[in-house]
C-alpha atoms as a PDB file:
ATOM      1  CA  MET A   1       6.731  -1.126 -18.464  1.00  0.00           C
ATOM      2  CA  ASN A   2       4.679  -4.176 -17.519  1.00  0.00           C
ATOM      3  CA  ILE A   3       1.613  -3.802 -15.310  1.00  0.00           C
ATOM      4  CA  SER A   4      -0.536  -6.690 -14.168  1.00  0.00           C
ATOM      5  CA  ALA A   5      -3.413  -7.370 -11.776  1.00  0.00           C
ATOM      6  CA  VAL A   6      -3.665 -10.409  -9.497  1.00  0.00           C
ATOM      7  CA  LEU A   7      -6.509 -11.517  -7.213  1.00  0.00           C
ATOM      8  CA  ASN A   8      -5.548 -13.665  -4.201  1.00  0.00           C
ATOM      9  CA  GLU A   9      -7.222 -14.730  -0.962  1.00  0.00           C
ATOM     10  CA  GLY A  10      -5.633 -14.512   2.464  1.00  0.00           C
ATOM     11  CA  MET A  11      -4.064 -11.921   4.714  1.00  0.00           C
ATOM     12  CA  PRO A  12      -3.726  -8.840   2.481  1.00  0.00           C
ATOM     13  CA  TRP A  13      -0.202  -7.854   3.555  1.00  0.00           C
ATOM     14  CA  GLU A  14       1.062 -11.428   3.134  1.00  0.00           C
ATOM     15  CA  GLN A  15      -0.534 -11.771  -0.307  1.00  0.00           C
ATOM     16  CA  ILE A  16       0.855  -8.431  -1.473  1.00  0.00           C
ATOM     17  CA  LEU A  17       4.396  -9.348  -0.421  1.00  0.00           C
ATOM     18  CA  THR A  18       4.166 -12.909  -1.770  1.00  0.00           C
ATOM     19  CA  THR A  19       2.775 -11.769  -5.116  1.00  0.00           C
ATOM     20  CA  ALA A  20       5.419  -9.056  -5.452  1.00  0.00           C
ATOM     21  CA  GLN A  21       8.140 -11.638  -4.861  1.00  0.00           C
ATOM     22  CA  MET A  22       6.605 -14.250  -7.189  1.00  0.00           C
ATOM     23  CA  THR A  23       6.179 -11.767 -10.038  1.00  0.00           C
ATOM     24  CA  GLY A  24       9.581 -10.123  -9.619  1.00  0.00           C
ATOM     25  CA  ALA A  25       7.978  -6.721  -8.998  1.00  0.00           C
ATOM     26  CA  ASP A  26      10.279  -3.690  -8.859  1.00  0.00           C
ATOM     27  CA  LEU A  27       7.808  -1.503  -6.956  1.00  0.00           C
ATOM     28  CA  ILE A  28       4.613  -1.876  -4.918  1.00  0.00           C
ATOM     29  CA  ILE A  29       2.132   1.002  -5.176  1.00  0.00           C
ATOM     30  CA  MET A  30      -0.760   1.059  -2.745  1.00  0.00           C
ATOM     31  CA  GLY A  31      -3.358   3.467  -1.435  1.00  0.00           C
ATOM     32  CA  THR A  32      -3.784   4.315   2.243  1.00  0.00           C
ATOM     33  CA  HIS A  33      -6.677   5.587   4.333  1.00  0.00           C
ATOM     34  CA  GLY A  34      -4.371   7.530   6.624  1.00  0.00           C
ATOM     35  CA  ARG A  35      -6.015   6.349   9.836  1.00  0.00           C
ATOM     36  CA  ARG A  36      -4.356   7.375  13.076  1.00  0.00           C
ATOM     37  CA  GLY A  37      -4.675   6.661  16.770  1.00  0.00           C
ATOM     38  CA  VAL A  38      -7.330   4.232  17.975  1.00  0.00           C
ATOM     39  CA  ALA A  39      -8.748   3.537  14.499  1.00  0.00           C
ATOM     40  CA  ARG A  40      -5.321   2.433  13.295  1.00  0.00           C
ATOM     41  CA  ALA A  41      -4.637   0.400  16.443  1.00  0.00           C
ATOM     42  CA  VAL A  42      -7.958  -1.438  16.137  1.00  0.00           C
ATOM     43  CA  LEU A  43      -8.021  -1.873  12.356  1.00  0.00           C
ATOM     44  CA  GLY A  44      -4.277  -2.175  11.783  1.00  0.00           C
ATOM     45  CA  SER A  45      -2.572  -0.949   8.678  1.00  0.00           C
ATOM     46  CA  VAL A  46      -1.930  -3.179   5.699  1.00  0.00           C
ATOM     47  CA  ALA A  47       0.139  -0.440   4.077  1.00  0.00           C
ATOM     48  CA  GLU A  48       2.273   0.019   7.190  1.00  0.00           C
ATOM     49  CA  ARG A  49       3.038  -3.687   7.423  1.00  0.00           C
ATOM     50  CA  VAL A  50       3.879  -3.903   3.708  1.00  0.00           C
ATOM     51  CA  VAL A  51       6.181  -0.865   3.987  1.00  0.00           C
ATOM     52  CA  ARG A  52       7.963  -2.326   7.027  1.00  0.00           C
ATOM     53  CA  LEU A  53       8.398  -5.847   5.653  1.00  0.00           C
ATOM     54  CA  SER A  54       8.880  -5.352   1.924  1.00  0.00           C
ATOM     55  CA  PRO A  55      12.338  -5.977   0.480  1.00  0.00           C
ATOM     56  CA  ILE A  56      11.402  -3.781  -2.515  1.00  0.00           C
ATOM     57  CA  PRO A  57      10.339  -0.109  -2.551  1.00  0.00           C
ATOM     58  CA  VAL A  58       6.728   0.717  -1.652  1.00  0.00           C
ATOM     59  CA  LEU A  59       4.985   3.894  -2.804  1.00  0.00           C
ATOM     60  CA  THR A  60       1.943   4.811  -0.714  1.00  0.00           C
ATOM     61  CA  VAL A  61      -0.655   7.282  -1.960  1.00  0.00           C
ATOM     62  CA  HIS A  62      -3.210   8.975   0.277  1.00  0.00           C
ATOM     63  CA  GLU A  63      -6.489   9.862  -1.415  1.00  0.00           C
ATOM     64  CA  LYS A  64      -6.702  13.248   0.324  1.00  0.00           C
ATOM     65  CA  ALA A  65      -3.439  14.354  -1.300  1.00  0.00           C
ATOM     66  CA  ALA A  66      -5.243  14.749  -4.637  1.00  0.00           C
ATOM     67  CA  ASP A  67      -7.742  17.167  -3.023  1.00  0.00           C
ATOM     68  CA  HIS A  68      -5.022  19.773  -2.382  1.00  0.00           C
ATOM     69  CA  ARG A  69      -3.734  20.196  -5.922  1.00  0.00           C
ATOM     70  CA  GLY A  70      -4.140  23.732  -7.077  1.00  0.00           C
ATOM     71  CA  ALA A  71      -5.189  24.939  -3.608  1.00  0.00           C
ATOM     72  CA  GLN A  72      -4.140  28.453  -2.643  1.00  0.00           C
ATOM     73  CA  ALA A  73      -1.951  28.678   0.478  1.00  0.00           C
END
């Protein structure tokens, strides 16, 4: 498995998609804030745009998900 880091300037969603294509990535993994409603409408969602426009699979991870491991139901 090859993992690499790249630092680019520009619109985040465009740079993520362009870099994935240029490097021949098999998967994009990205974190999300999980904003909803007005906050999402005003701030937009880089993850949402990447998921919608990416020709390769995208795995999104929400930070809060880690808080629930081992929780009793």
